[in-house]
Amino acid sequence: MVAIFFSSYKSDLYWLQALLFIAFFCSIGILLDNQFNRYVGLSGVLHGLFVIGGRWEMRRYKLSGAMLLAIIIGKLMYEQIYGALPGSESVAGGKVAINSHLYGAIAGGVFILLGRLNMIRGD
């Protein structure tokens, strides 16, 4: 889904680097969080990729990029205050690791920052 929306903005190498960076960051966060014996899923990575995608979307389409980022930030705020979105645990088939979403979004922001500092290649 992320590739359909954002793959044209950057190279496959860039998106692979982003995916691996965010997955690593989320894994460390969940490990340190110590709330789960095991974690299964990529929702944190998806949140991070959407943050990065929203950044690139804003370069071409300011309104839709800004809306995407606002939706992600609003969702993260809701989850941190009230917990998982209604119905998401039944869809996921278990407890939703909402902190992984936060870790993924933060990792996406850090990845963007590293790119701006010319520490990420893959244009």
PDB file of N, CA and C in Angstrom:
ATOM      1  N   MET A   1       0.829  -1.190   0.000  1.00  0.00           N
ATOM      2  CA  MET A   1       0.000   0.000   0.000  1.00  0.00           C
ATOM      3  C   MET A   1       0.871   1.251   0.000  1.00  0.00           C
ATOM      4  N   VAL A   2       1.914   1.251   0.812  1.00  0.00           N
ATOM      5  CA  VAL A   2       2.816   2.402   0.852  1.00  0.00           C
ATOM      6  C   VAL A   2       3.489   2.570  -0.498  1.00  0.00           C
ATOM      7  N   ALA A   3       3.899   1.459  -1.108  1.00  0.00           N
ATOM      8  CA  ALA A   3       4.569   1.529  -2.406  1.00  0.00           C
ATOM      9  C   ALA A   3       3.659   2.117  -3.477  1.00  0.00           C
ATOM     10  N   ILE A   4       2.381   1.789  -3.423  1.00  0.00           N
ATOM     11  CA  ILE A   4       1.436   2.327  -4.412  1.00  0.00           C
ATOM     12  C   ILE A   4       1.359   3.840  -4.310  1.00  0.00           C
ATOM     13  N   PHE A   5       1.321   4.361  -3.095  1.00  0.00           N
ATOM     14  CA  PHE A   5       1.167   5.795  -2.904  1.00  0.00           C
ATOM     15  C   PHE A   5       2.462   6.583  -3.084  1.00  0.00           C
ATOM     16  N   PHE A   6       3.587   6.057  -2.598  1.00  0.00           N
ATOM     17  CA  PHE A   6       4.778   6.890  -2.453  1.00  0.00           C
ATOM     18  C   PHE A   6       6.022   6.409  -3.194  1.00  0.00           C
ATOM     19  N   SER A   7       5.996   5.264  -3.843  1.00  0.00           N
ATOM     20  CA  SER A   7       7.223   4.712  -4.428  1.00  0.00           C
ATOM     21  C   SER A   7       7.839   5.617  -5.487  1.00  0.00           C
ATOM     22  N   SER A   8       7.046   6.426  -6.148  1.00  0.00           N
ATOM     23  CA  SER A   8       7.585   7.287  -7.205  1.00  0.00           C
ATOM     24  C   SER A   8       8.413   8.448  -6.657  1.00  0.00           C
ATOM     25  N   TYR A   9       8.304   8.727  -5.367  1.00  0.00           N
ATOM     26  CA  TYR A   9       9.029   9.864  -4.793  1.00  0.00           C
ATOM     27  C   TYR A   9      10.506   9.573  -4.577  1.00  0.00           C
ATOM     28  N   LYS A  10      10.838   8.335  -4.244  1.00  0.00           N
ATOM     29  CA  LYS A  10      12.221   7.967  -3.952  1.00  0.00           C
ATOM     30  C   LYS A  10      12.496   6.575  -4.512  1.00  0.00           C
ATOM     31  N   SER A  11      13.769   6.184  -4.499  1.00  0.00           N
ATOM     32  CA  SER A  11      14.170   4.896  -5.066  1.00  0.00           C
ATOM     33  C   SER A  11      13.769   3.734  -4.158  1.00  0.00           C
ATOM     34  N   ASP A  12      13.815   2.539  -4.739  1.00  0.00           N
ATOM     35  CA  ASP A  12      13.543   1.331  -3.956  1.00  0.00           C
ATOM     36  C   ASP A  12      14.548   1.190  -2.814  1.00  0.00           C
ATOM     37  N   LEU A  13      15.801   1.568  -3.069  1.00  0.00           N
ATOM     38  CA  LEU A  13      16.834   1.500  -2.033  1.00  0.00           C
ATOM     39  C   LEU A  13      16.482   2.407  -0.857  1.00  0.00           C
ATOM     40  N   TYR A  14      16.010   3.596  -1.136  1.00  0.00           N
ATOM     41  CA  TYR A  14      15.609   4.527  -0.079  1.00  0.00           C
ATOM     42  C   TYR A  14      14.517   3.913   0.793  1.00  0.00           C
ATOM     43  N   TRP A  15      13.485   3.345   0.149  1.00  0.00           N
ATOM     44  CA  TRP A  15      12.365   2.779   0.901  1.00  0.00           C
ATOM     45  C   TRP A  15      12.785   1.530   1.671  1.00  0.00           C
ATOM     46  N   LEU A  16      13.711   0.747   1.115  1.00  0.00           N
ATOM     47  CA  LEU A  16      14.226  -0.413   1.841  1.00  0.00           C
ATOM     48  C   LEU A  16      15.000   0.031   3.077  1.00  0.00           C
ATOM     49  N   GLN A  17      15.831   1.065   2.918  1.00  0.00           N
ATOM     50  CA  GLN A  17      16.557   1.604   4.062  1.00  0.00           C
ATOM     51  C   GLN A  17      15.576   2.107   5.121  1.00  0.00           C
ATOM     52  N   ALA A  18      14.539   2.806   4.693  1.00  0.00           N
ATOM     53  CA  ALA A  18      13.533   3.323   5.623  1.00  0.00           C
ATOM     54  C   ALA A  18      12.850   2.177   6.363  1.00  0.00           C
ATOM     55  N   LEU A  19      12.440   1.167   5.633  1.00  0.00           N
ATOM     56  CA  LEU A  19      11.757   0.021   6.242  1.00  0.00           C
ATOM     57  C   LEU A  19      12.642  -0.647   7.288  1.00  0.00           C
ATOM     58  N   LEU A  20      13.891  -0.904   6.949  1.00  0.00           N
ATOM     59  CA  LEU A  20      14.792  -1.575   7.885  1.00  0.00           C
ATOM     60  C   LEU A  20      15.102  -0.695   9.096  1.00  0.00           C
ATOM     61  N   PHE A  21      15.311   0.599   8.883  1.00  0.00           N
ATOM     62  CA  PHE A  21      15.583   1.524   9.978  1.00  0.00           C
ATOM     63  C   PHE A  21      14.404   1.576  10.940  1.00  0.00           C
ATOM     64  N   ILE A  22      13.206   1.722  10.404  1.00  0.00           N
ATOM     65  CA  ILE A  22      12.010   1.815  11.244  1.00  0.00           C
ATOM     66  C   ILE A  22      11.758   0.502  11.976  1.00  0.00           C
ATOM     67  N   ALA A  23      11.929  -0.622  11.281  1.00  0.00           N
ATOM     68  CA  ALA A  23      11.731  -1.930  11.928  1.00  0.00           C
ATOM     69  C   ALA A  23      12.703  -2.115  13.090  1.00  0.00           C
ATOM     70  N   PHE A  24      13.949  -1.716  12.895  1.00  0.00           N
ATOM     71  CA  PHE A  24      14.941  -1.818  13.964  1.00  0.00           C
ATOM     72  C   PHE A  24      14.556  -0.921  15.138  1.00  0.00           C
ATOM     73  N   PHE A  25      14.200   0.323  14.844  1.00  0.00           N
ATOM     74  CA  PHE A  25      13.829   1.293  15.883  1.00  0.00           C
ATOM     75  C   PHE A  25      12.608   0.789  16.660  1.00  0.00           C
ATOM     76  N   CYS A  26      11.591   0.286  15.954  1.00  0.00           N
ATOM     77  CA  CYS A  26      10.393  -0.250  16.618  1.00  0.00           C
ATOM     78  C   CYS A  26      10.741  -1.453  17.490  1.00  0.00           C
ATOM     79  N   SER A  27      11.597  -2.317  16.998  1.00  0.00           N
ATOM     80  CA  SER A  27      11.989  -3.505  17.766  1.00  0.00           C
ATOM     81  C   SER A  27      12.676  -3.117  19.060  1.00  0.00           C
ATOM     82  N   ILE A  28      13.588  -2.163  18.984  1.00  0.00           N
ATOM     83  CA  ILE A  28      14.275  -1.695  20.193  1.00  0.00           C
ATOM     84  C   ILE A  28      13.263  -1.059  21.153  1.00  0.00           C
ATOM     85  N   GLY A  29      12.363  -0.242  20.618  1.00  0.00           N
ATOM     86  CA  GLY A  29      11.357   0.403  21.454  1.00  0.00           C
ATOM     87  C   GLY A  29      10.472  -0.601  22.170  1.00  0.00           C
ATOM     88  N   ILE A  30      10.005  -1.592  21.451  1.00  0.00           N
ATOM     89  CA  ILE A  30       9.132  -2.613  22.049  1.00  0.00           C
ATOM     90  C   ILE A  30       9.901  -3.443  23.069  1.00  0.00           C
ATOM     91  N   LEU A  31      11.148  -3.748  22.772  1.00  0.00           N
ATOM     92  CA  LEU A  31      11.980  -4.497  23.707  1.00  0.00           C
ATOM     93  C   LEU A  31      12.164  -3.719  25.011  1.00  0.00           C
ATOM     94  N   LEU A  32      12.454  -2.425  24.892  1.00  0.00           N
ATOM     95  CA  LEU A  32      12.662  -1.597  26.080  1.00  0.00           C
ATOM     96  C   LEU A  32      11.348  -1.292  26.805  1.00  0.00           C
ATOM     97  N   ASP A  33      10.259  -1.260  26.038  1.00  0.00           N
ATOM     98  CA  ASP A  33       8.934  -0.986  26.594  1.00  0.00           C
ATOM     99  C   ASP A  33       8.520  -2.080  27.573  1.00  0.00           C
ATOM    100  N   ASN A  34       8.888  -3.320  27.252  1.00  0.00           N
ATOM    101  CA  ASN A  34       8.654  -4.467  28.134  1.00  0.00           C
ATOM    102  C   ASN A  34       7.175  -4.715  28.432  1.00  0.00           C
ATOM    103  N   GLN A  35       6.292  -4.423  27.468  1.00  0.00           N
ATOM    104  CA  GLN A  35       4.869  -4.685  27.657  1.00  0.00           C
ATOM    105  C   GLN A  35       4.427  -5.998  27.014  1.00  0.00           C
ATOM    106  N   PHE A  36       5.256  -6.530  26.118  1.00  0.00           N
ATOM    107  CA  PHE A  36       4.855  -7.710  25.361  1.00  0.00           C
ATOM    108  C   PHE A  36       5.916  -8.794  25.484  1.00  0.00           C
ATOM    109  N   ASN A  37       5.446 -10.030  25.600  1.00  0.00           N
ATOM    110  CA  ASN A  37       6.366 -11.161  25.538  1.00  0.00           C
ATOM    111  C   ASN A  37       6.801 -11.402  24.102  1.00  0.00           C
ATOM    112  N   ARG A  38       5.906 -11.131  23.187  1.00  0.00           N
ATOM    113  CA  ARG A  38       6.237 -11.226  21.769  1.00  0.00           C
ATOM    114  C   ARG A  38       5.360 -10.246  21.009  1.00  0.00           C
ATOM    115  N   TYR A  39       5.865  -9.816  19.892  1.00  0.00           N
ATOM    116  CA  TYR A  39       5.163  -8.834  19.059  1.00  0.00           C
ATOM    117  C   TYR A  39       5.126  -9.369  17.645  1.00  0.00           C
ATOM    118  N   VAL A  40       3.962  -9.339  17.047  1.00  0.00           N
ATOM    119  CA  VAL A  40       3.802  -9.799  15.674  1.00  0.00           C
ATOM    120  C   VAL A  40       3.101  -8.686  14.913  1.00  0.00           C
ATOM    121  N   GLY A  41       3.726  -8.210  13.862  1.00  0.00           N
ATOM    122  CA  GLY A  41       3.065  -7.199  13.050  1.00  0.00           C
ATOM    123  C   GLY A  41       4.032  -6.180  12.497  1.00  0.00           C
ATOM    124  N   LEU A  42       3.495  -5.390  11.604  1.00  0.00           N
ATOM    125  CA  LEU A  42       4.275  -4.331  10.964  1.00  0.00           C
ATOM    126  C   LEU A  42       3.586  -2.976  11.075  1.00  0.00           C
ATOM    127  N   SER A  43       2.634  -2.848  11.976  1.00  0.00           N
ATOM    128  CA  SER A  43       1.879  -1.604  12.038  1.00  0.00           C
ATOM    129  C   SER A  43       2.760  -0.413  12.410  1.00  0.00           C
ATOM    130  N   GLY A  44       3.743  -0.631  13.275  1.00  0.00           N
ATOM    131  CA  GLY A  44       4.661   0.449  13.619  1.00  0.00           C
ATOM    132  C   GLY A  44       5.468   0.893  12.408  1.00  0.00           C
ATOM    133  N   VAL A  45       5.932  -0.083  11.634  1.00  0.00           N
ATOM    134  CA  VAL A  45       6.686   0.230  10.416  1.00  0.00           C
ATOM    135  C   VAL A  45       5.805   0.991   9.436  1.00  0.00           C
ATOM    136  N   LEU A  46       4.561   0.567   9.298  1.00  0.00           N
ATOM    137  CA  LEU A  46       3.644   1.278   8.395  1.00  0.00           C
ATOM    138  C   LEU A  46       3.446   2.729   8.816  1.00  0.00           C
ATOM    139  N   HIS A  47       3.323   2.972  10.107  1.00  0.00           N
ATOM    140  CA  HIS A  47       3.168   4.348  10.584  1.00  0.00           C
ATOM    141  C   HIS A  47       4.394   5.181  10.211  1.00  0.00           C
ATOM    142  N   GLY A  48       5.574   4.609  10.396  1.00  0.00           N
ATOM    143  CA  GLY A  48       6.796   5.320  10.032  1.00  0.00           C
ATOM    144  C   GLY A  48       6.895   5.585   8.549  1.00  0.00           C
ATOM    145  N   LEU A  49       6.537   4.599   7.734  1.00  0.00           N
ATOM    146  CA  LEU A  49       6.578   4.787   6.282  1.00  0.00           C
ATOM    147  C   LEU A  49       5.571   5.836   5.823  1.00  0.00           C
ATOM    148  N   PHE A  50       4.410   5.865   6.473  1.00  0.00           N
ATOM    149  CA  PHE A  50       3.428   6.890   6.124  1.00  0.00           C
ATOM    150  C   PHE A  50       3.891   8.289   6.536  1.00  0.00           C
ATOM    151  N   VAL A  51       4.620   8.395   7.633  1.00  0.00           N
ATOM    152  CA  VAL A  51       5.186   9.697   8.004  1.00  0.00           C
ATOM    153  C   VAL A  51       6.170  10.155   6.933  1.00  0.00           C
ATOM    154  N   ILE A  52       7.038   9.261   6.508  1.00  0.00           N
ATOM    155  CA  ILE A  52       8.000   9.601   5.463  1.00  0.00           C
ATOM    156  C   ILE A  52       7.274   9.915   4.161  1.00  0.00           C
ATOM    157  N   GLY A  53       6.294   9.092   3.820  1.00  0.00           N
ATOM    158  CA  GLY A  53       5.509   9.344   2.607  1.00  0.00           C
ATOM    159  C   GLY A  53       4.789  10.677   2.663  1.00  0.00           C
ATOM    160  N   GLY A  54       4.250  11.026   3.821  1.00  0.00           N
ATOM    161  CA  GLY A  54       3.573  12.316   3.972  1.00  0.00           C
ATOM    162  C   GLY A  54       4.520  13.472   3.755  1.00  0.00           C
ATOM    163  N   ARG A  55       5.748  13.311   4.195  1.00  0.00           N
ATOM    164  CA  ARG A  55       6.762  14.348   3.979  1.00  0.00           C
ATOM    165  C   ARG A  55       7.024  14.555   2.498  1.00  0.00           C
ATOM    166  N   TRP A  56       7.169  13.446   1.763  1.00  0.00           N
ATOM    167  CA  TRP A  56       7.428  13.561   0.321  1.00  0.00           C
ATOM    168  C   TRP A  56       6.184  14.018  -0.431  1.00  0.00           C
ATOM    169  N   GLU A  57       5.029  13.609   0.041  1.00  0.00           N
ATOM    170  CA  GLU A  57       3.766  14.059  -0.569  1.00  0.00           C
ATOM    171  C   GLU A  57       3.638  15.582  -0.457  1.00  0.00           C
ATOM    172  N   MET A  58       4.060  16.141   0.670  1.00  0.00           N
ATOM    173  CA  MET A  58       3.952  17.595   0.868  1.00  0.00           C
ATOM    174  C   MET A  58       4.800  18.378  -0.121  1.00  0.00           C
ATOM    175  N   ARG A  59       5.845  17.768  -0.647  1.00  0.00           N
ATOM    176  CA  ARG A  59       6.686  18.473  -1.627  1.00  0.00           C
ATOM    177  C   ARG A  59       5.947  18.691  -2.936  1.00  0.00           C
ATOM    178  N   ARG A  60       5.062  17.771  -3.302  1.00  0.00           N
ATOM    179  CA  ARG A  60       4.309  17.899  -4.557  1.00  0.00           C
ATOM    180  C   ARG A  60       2.884  18.376  -4.331  1.00  0.00           C
ATOM    181  N   TYR A  61       2.257  17.861  -3.303  1.00  0.00           N
ATOM    182  CA  TYR A  61       0.848  18.160  -3.026  1.00  0.00           C
ATOM    183  C   TYR A  61       0.723  18.554  -1.556  1.00  0.00           C
ATOM    184  N   LYS A  62       0.906  19.811  -1.284  1.00  0.00           N
ATOM    185  CA  LYS A  62       0.966  20.292   0.100  1.00  0.00           C
ATOM    186  C   LYS A  62      -0.256  19.907   0.923  1.00  0.00           C
ATOM    187  N   LEU A  63      -1.441  20.094   0.374  1.00  0.00           N
ATOM    188  CA  LEU A  63      -2.657  19.848   1.137  1.00  0.00           C
ATOM    189  C   LEU A  63      -2.808  18.382   1.521  1.00  0.00           C
ATOM    190  N   SER A  64      -2.683  17.485   0.545  1.00  0.00           N
ATOM    191  CA  SER A  64      -2.870  16.064   0.866  1.00  0.00           C
ATOM    192  C   SER A  64      -1.761  15.545   1.775  1.00  0.00           C
ATOM    193  N   GLY A  65      -0.531  16.025   1.593  1.00  0.00           N
ATOM    194  CA  GLY A  65       0.561  15.627   2.485  1.00  0.00           C
ATOM    195  C   GLY A  65       0.332  16.107   3.903  1.00  0.00           C
ATOM    196  N   ALA A  66      -0.093  17.364   4.031  1.00  0.00           N
ATOM    197  CA  ALA A  66      -0.368  17.917   5.359  1.00  0.00           C
ATOM    198  C   ALA A  66      -1.537  17.195   6.023  1.00  0.00           C
ATOM    199  N   MET A  67      -2.553  16.856   5.236  1.00  0.00           N
ATOM    200  CA  MET A  67      -3.702  16.128   5.786  1.00  0.00           C
ATOM    201  C   MET A  67      -3.285  14.745   6.275  1.00  0.00           C
ATOM    202  N   LEU A  68      -2.461  14.068   5.494  1.00  0.00           N
ATOM    203  CA  LEU A  68      -1.989  12.744   5.896  1.00  0.00           C
ATOM    204  C   LEU A  68      -1.223  12.825   7.207  1.00  0.00           C
ATOM    205  N   LEU A  69      -0.299  13.767   7.315  1.00  0.00           N
ATOM    206  CA  LEU A  69       0.475  13.908   8.550  1.00  0.00           C
ATOM    207  C   LEU A  69      -0.406  14.297   9.725  1.00  0.00           C
ATOM    208  N   ALA A  70      -1.389  15.155   9.489  1.00  0.00           N
ATOM    209  CA  ALA A  70      -2.307  15.555  10.564  1.00  0.00           C
ATOM    210  C   ALA A  70      -3.132  14.357  11.047  1.00  0.00           C
ATOM    211  N   ILE A  71      -3.568  13.523  10.122  1.00  0.00           N
ATOM    212  CA  ILE A  71      -4.337  12.328  10.483  1.00  0.00           C
ATOM    213  C   ILE A  71      -3.476  11.370  11.315  1.00  0.00           C
ATOM    214  N   ILE A  72      -2.239  11.163  10.888  1.00  0.00           N
ATOM    215  CA  ILE A  72      -1.350  10.268  11.629  1.00  0.00           C
ATOM    216  C   ILE A  72      -1.094  10.812  13.033  1.00  0.00           C
ATOM    217  N   ILE A  73      -0.794  12.102  13.128  1.00  0.00           N
ATOM    218  CA  ILE A  73      -0.536  12.706  14.442  1.00  0.00           C
ATOM    219  C   ILE A  73      -1.779  12.624  15.325  1.00  0.00           C
ATOM    220  N   GLY A  74      -2.934  12.915  14.750  1.00  0.00           N
ATOM    221  CA  GLY A  74      -4.186  12.814  15.512  1.00  0.00           C
ATOM    222  C   GLY A  74      -4.444  11.403  15.997  1.00  0.00           C
ATOM    223  N   LYS A  75      -4.209  10.425  15.139  1.00  0.00           N
ATOM    224  CA  LYS A  75      -4.399   9.016  15.511  1.00  0.00           C
ATOM    225  C   LYS A  75      -3.451   8.632  16.641  1.00  0.00           C
ATOM    226  N   LEU A  76      -2.190   9.039  16.523  1.00  0.00           N
ATOM    227  CA  LEU A  76      -1.215   8.728  17.574  1.00  0.00           C
ATOM    228  C   LEU A  76      -1.601   9.368  18.899  1.00  0.00           C
ATOM    229  N   MET A  77      -2.065  10.598  18.865  1.00  0.00           N
ATOM    230  CA  MET A  77      -2.499  11.274  20.084  1.00  0.00           C
ATOM    231  C   MET A  77      -3.690  10.550  20.698  1.00  0.00           C
ATOM    232  N   TYR A  78      -4.662  10.177  19.866  1.00  0.00           N
ATOM    233  CA  TYR A  78      -5.833   9.446  20.361  1.00  0.00           C
ATOM    234  C   TYR A  78      -5.391   8.160  21.054  1.00  0.00           C
ATOM    235  N   GLU A  79      -4.510   7.401  20.377  1.00  0.00           N
ATOM    236  CA  GLU A  79      -4.074   6.123  20.933  1.00  0.00           C
ATOM    237  C   GLU A  79      -3.322   6.293  22.252  1.00  0.00           C
ATOM    238  N   GLN A  80      -2.525   7.321  22.368  1.00  0.00           N
ATOM    239  CA  GLN A  80      -1.763   7.528  23.601  1.00  0.00           C
ATOM    240  C   GLN A  80      -2.674   7.946  24.752  1.00  0.00           C
ATOM    241  N   ILE A  81      -3.769   8.627  24.442  1.00  0.00           N
ATOM    242  CA  ILE A  81      -4.684   9.088  25.485  1.00  0.00           C
ATOM    243  C   ILE A  81      -5.736   8.036  25.822  1.00  0.00           C
ATOM    244  N   TYR A  82      -6.372   7.468  24.784  1.00  0.00           N
ATOM    245  CA  TYR A  82      -7.525   6.589  24.991  1.00  0.00           C
ATOM    246  C   TYR A  82      -7.259   5.113  24.722  1.00  0.00           C
ATOM    247  N   GLY A  83      -6.149   4.789  24.098  1.00  0.00           N
ATOM    248  CA  GLY A  83      -5.872   3.393  23.746  1.00  0.00           C
ATOM    249  C   GLY A  83      -6.177   3.125  22.286  1.00  0.00           C
ATOM    250  N   ALA A  84      -6.217   1.866  21.940  1.00  0.00           N
ATOM    251  CA  ALA A  84      -6.427   1.465  20.551  1.00  0.00           C
ATOM    252  C   ALA A  84      -7.757   1.992  20.020  1.00  0.00           C
ATOM    253  N   LEU A  85      -7.783   2.264  18.729  1.00  0.00           N
ATOM    254  CA  LEU A  85      -9.026   2.706  18.099  1.00  0.00           C
ATOM    255  C   LEU A  85     -10.100   1.645  18.266  1.00  0.00           C
ATOM    256  N   PRO A  86     -11.341   2.062  18.460  1.00  0.00           N
ATOM    257  CA  PRO A  86     -12.423   1.079  18.615  1.00  0.00           C
ATOM    258  C   PRO A  86     -12.468   0.106  17.433  1.00  0.00           C
ATOM    259  N   GLY A  87     -12.528  -1.162  17.750  1.00  0.00           N
ATOM    260  CA  GLY A  87     -12.625  -2.200  16.730  1.00  0.00           C
ATOM    261  C   GLY A  87     -11.289  -2.695  16.205  1.00  0.00           C
ATOM    262  N   SER A  88     -10.205  -1.988  16.496  1.00  0.00           N
ATOM    263  CA  SER A  88      -8.917  -2.390  15.920  1.00  0.00           C
ATOM    264  C   SER A  88      -8.393  -3.689  16.521  1.00  0.00           C
ATOM    265  N   GLU A  89      -8.707  -3.950  17.787  1.00  0.00           N
ATOM    266  CA  GLU A  89      -8.234  -5.192  18.396  1.00  0.00           C
ATOM    267  C   GLU A  89      -8.974  -6.405  17.836  1.00  0.00           C
ATOM    268  N   SER A  90     -10.250  -6.242  17.523  1.00  0.00           N
ATOM    269  CA  SER A  90     -10.979  -7.364  16.931  1.00  0.00           C
ATOM    270  C   SER A  90     -10.507  -7.614  15.498  1.00  0.00           C
ATOM    271  N   VAL A  91     -10.177  -6.572  14.780  1.00  0.00           N
ATOM    272  CA  VAL A  91      -9.655  -6.726  13.414  1.00  0.00           C
ATOM    273  C   VAL A  91      -8.264  -7.367  13.451  1.00  0.00           C
ATOM    274  N   ALA A  92      -7.428  -6.919  14.397  1.00  0.00           N
ATOM    275  CA  ALA A  92      -6.065  -7.438  14.505  1.00  0.00           C
ATOM    276  C   ALA A  92      -6.028  -8.848  15.102  1.00  0.00           C
ATOM    277  N   GLY A  93      -7.071  -9.231  15.799  1.00  0.00           N
ATOM    278  CA  GLY A  93      -7.104 -10.555  16.408  1.00  0.00           C
ATOM    279  C   GLY A  93      -6.311 -10.639  17.703  1.00  0.00           C
ATOM    280  N   GLY A  94      -6.112  -9.522  18.354  1.00  0.00           N
ATOM    281  CA  GLY A  94      -5.383  -9.510  19.622  1.00  0.00           C
ATOM    282  C   GLY A  94      -5.108  -8.083  20.051  1.00  0.00           C
ATOM    283  N   LYS A  95      -4.307  -7.968  21.093  1.00  0.00           N
ATOM    284  CA  LYS A  95      -3.979  -6.657  21.630  1.00  0.00           C
ATOM    285  C   LYS A  95      -3.158  -5.847  20.615  1.00  0.00           C
ATOM    286  N   VAL A  96      -3.492  -4.577  20.460  1.00  0.00           N
ATOM    287  CA  VAL A  96      -2.776  -3.695  19.542  1.00  0.00           C
ATOM    288  C   VAL A  96      -1.638  -3.024  20.298  1.00  0.00           C
ATOM    289  N   ALA A  97      -0.451  -3.101  19.741  1.00  0.00           N
ATOM    290  CA  ALA A  97       0.733  -2.492  20.357  1.00  0.00           C
ATOM    291  C   ALA A  97       0.811  -1.033  19.927  1.00  0.00           C
ATOM    292  N   ILE A  98       0.014  -0.193  20.600  1.00  0.00           N
ATOM    293  CA  ILE A  98      -0.076   1.204  20.170  1.00  0.00           C
ATOM    294  C   ILE A  98       1.254   1.939  20.294  1.00  0.00           C
ATOM    295  N   ASN A  99       2.086   1.543  21.238  1.00  0.00           N
ATOM    296  CA  ASN A  99       3.389   2.206  21.334  1.00  0.00           C
ATOM    297  C   ASN A  99       4.261   1.930  20.123  1.00  0.00           C
ATOM    298  N   SER A 100       4.055   0.785  19.467  1.00  0.00           N
ATOM    299  CA  SER A 100       4.827   0.510  18.250  1.00  0.00           C
ATOM    300  C   SER A 100       4.480   1.527  17.164  1.00  0.00           C
ATOM    301  N   HIS A 101       3.232   1.990  17.137  1.00  0.00           N
ATOM    302  CA  HIS A 101       2.834   3.019  16.174  1.00  0.00           C
ATOM    303  C   HIS A 101       3.598   4.312  16.450  1.00  0.00           C
ATOM    304  N   LEU A 102       3.687   4.665  17.725  1.00  0.00           N
ATOM    305  CA  LEU A 102       4.429   5.865  18.118  1.00  0.00           C
ATOM    306  C   LEU A 102       5.905   5.717  17.778  1.00  0.00           C
ATOM    307  N   TYR A 103       6.487   4.570  18.108  1.00  0.00           N
ATOM    308  CA  TYR A 103       7.903   4.340  17.806  1.00  0.00           C
ATOM    309  C   TYR A 103       8.157   4.399  16.303  1.00  0.00           C
ATOM    310  N   GLY A 104       7.257   3.828  15.527  1.00  0.00           N
ATOM    311  CA  GLY A 104       7.415   3.854  14.077  1.00  0.00           C
ATOM    312  C   GLY A 104       7.346   5.266  13.522  1.00  0.00           C
ATOM    313  N   ALA A 105       6.389   6.054  14.016  1.00  0.00           N
ATOM    314  CA  ALA A 105       6.262   7.437  13.548  1.00  0.00           C
ATOM    315  C   ALA A 105       7.493   8.255  13.932  1.00  0.00           C
ATOM    316  N   ILE A 106       7.991   8.052  15.132  1.00  0.00           N
ATOM    317  CA  ILE A 106       9.207   8.754  15.559  1.00  0.00           C
ATOM    318  C   ILE A 106      10.383   8.334  14.682  1.00  0.00           C
ATOM    319  N   ALA A 107      10.495   7.035  14.442  1.00  0.00           N
ATOM    320  CA  ALA A 107      11.583   6.537  13.595  1.00  0.00           C
ATOM    321  C   ALA A 107      11.486   7.128  12.190  1.00  0.00           C
ATOM    322  N   GLY A 108      10.270   7.260  11.668  1.00  0.00           N
ATOM    323  CA  GLY A 108      10.097   7.895  10.361  1.00  0.00           C
ATOM    324  C   GLY A 108      10.591   9.331  10.379  1.00  0.00           C
ATOM    325  N   GLY A 109      10.278  10.054  11.450  1.00  0.00           N
ATOM    326  CA  GLY A 109      10.753  11.429  11.582  1.00  0.00           C
ATOM    327  C   GLY A 109      12.267  11.501  11.690  1.00  0.00           C
ATOM    328  N   VAL A 110      12.854  10.583  12.444  1.00  0.00           N
ATOM    329  CA  VAL A 110      14.316  10.539  12.572  1.00  0.00           C
ATOM    330  C   VAL A 110      14.946  10.220  11.220  1.00  0.00           C
ATOM    331  N   PHE A 111      14.346   9.305  10.476  1.00  0.00           N
ATOM    332  CA  PHE A 111      14.866   8.946   9.158  1.00  0.00           C
ATOM    333  C   PHE A 111      14.842  10.158   8.223  1.00  0.00           C
ATOM    334  N   ILE A 112      13.771  10.930   8.274  1.00  0.00           N
ATOM    335  CA  ILE A 112      13.691  12.159   7.478  1.00  0.00           C
ATOM    336  C   ILE A 112      14.807  13.116   7.883  1.00  0.00           C
ATOM    337  N   LEU A 113      15.003  13.278   9.179  1.00  0.00           N
ATOM    338  CA  LEU A 113      16.058  14.162   9.680  1.00  0.00           C
ATOM    339  C   LEU A 113      17.434  13.688   9.214  1.00  0.00           C
ATOM    340  N   LEU A 114      17.685  12.398   9.287  1.00  0.00           N
ATOM    341  CA  LEU A 114      18.964  11.862   8.816  1.00  0.00           C
ATOM    342  C   LEU A 114      19.154  12.125   7.329  1.00  0.00           C
ATOM    343  N   GLY A 115      18.078  12.040   6.574  1.00  0.00           N
ATOM    344  CA  GLY A 115      18.155  12.352   5.147  1.00  0.00           C
ATOM    345  C   GLY A 115      18.495  13.808   4.904  1.00  0.00           C
ATOM    346  N   ARG A 116      17.902  14.679   5.678  1.00  0.00           N
ATOM    347  CA  ARG A 116      18.188  16.119   5.547  1.00  0.00           C
ATOM    348  C   ARG A 116      19.630  16.436   5.935  1.00  0.00           C
ATOM    349  N   LEU A 117      20.206  15.625   6.799  1.00  0.00           N
ATOM    350  CA  LEU A 117      21.604  15.788   7.197  1.00  0.00           C
ATOM    351  C   LEU A 117      22.551  15.047   6.248  1.00  0.00           C
ATOM    352  N   ASN A 118      22.004  14.542   5.124  1.00  0.00           N
ATOM    353  CA  ASN A 118      22.757  13.807   4.109  1.00  0.00           C
ATOM    354  C   ASN A 118      23.403  12.535   4.654  1.00  0.00           C
ATOM    355  N   MET A 119      22.743  11.913   5.617  1.00  0.00           N
ATOM    356  CA  MET A 119      23.247  10.661   6.175  1.00  0.00           C
ATOM    357  C   MET A 119      22.526   9.446   5.577  1.00  0.00           C
ATOM    358  N   ILE A 120      21.525   9.705   4.756  1.00  0.00           N
ATOM    359  CA  ILE A 120      20.773   8.640   4.085  1.00  0.00           C
ATOM    360  C   ILE A 120      20.922   8.846   2.583  1.00  0.00           C
ATOM    361  N   ARG A 121      21.255   7.800   1.885  1.00  0.00           N
ATOM    362  CA  ARG A 121      21.371   7.831   0.425  1.00  0.00           C
ATOM    363  C   ARG A 121      20.286   6.955  -0.169  1.00  0.00           C
ATOM    364  N   GLY A 122      20.057   7.084  -1.432  1.00  0.00           N
ATOM    365  CA  GLY A 122      19.079   6.241  -2.105  1.00  0.00           C
ATOM    366  C   GLY A 122      18.097   7.033  -2.942  1.00  0.00           C
ATOM    367  N   ASP A 123      18.542   8.195  -3.425  1.00  0.00           N
ATOM    368  CA  ASP A 123      17.655   9.011  -4.264  1.00  0.00           C
ATOM    369  C   ASP A 123      17.379   8.264  -5.527  1.00  0.00           C
TER     370      ASP A 123
END
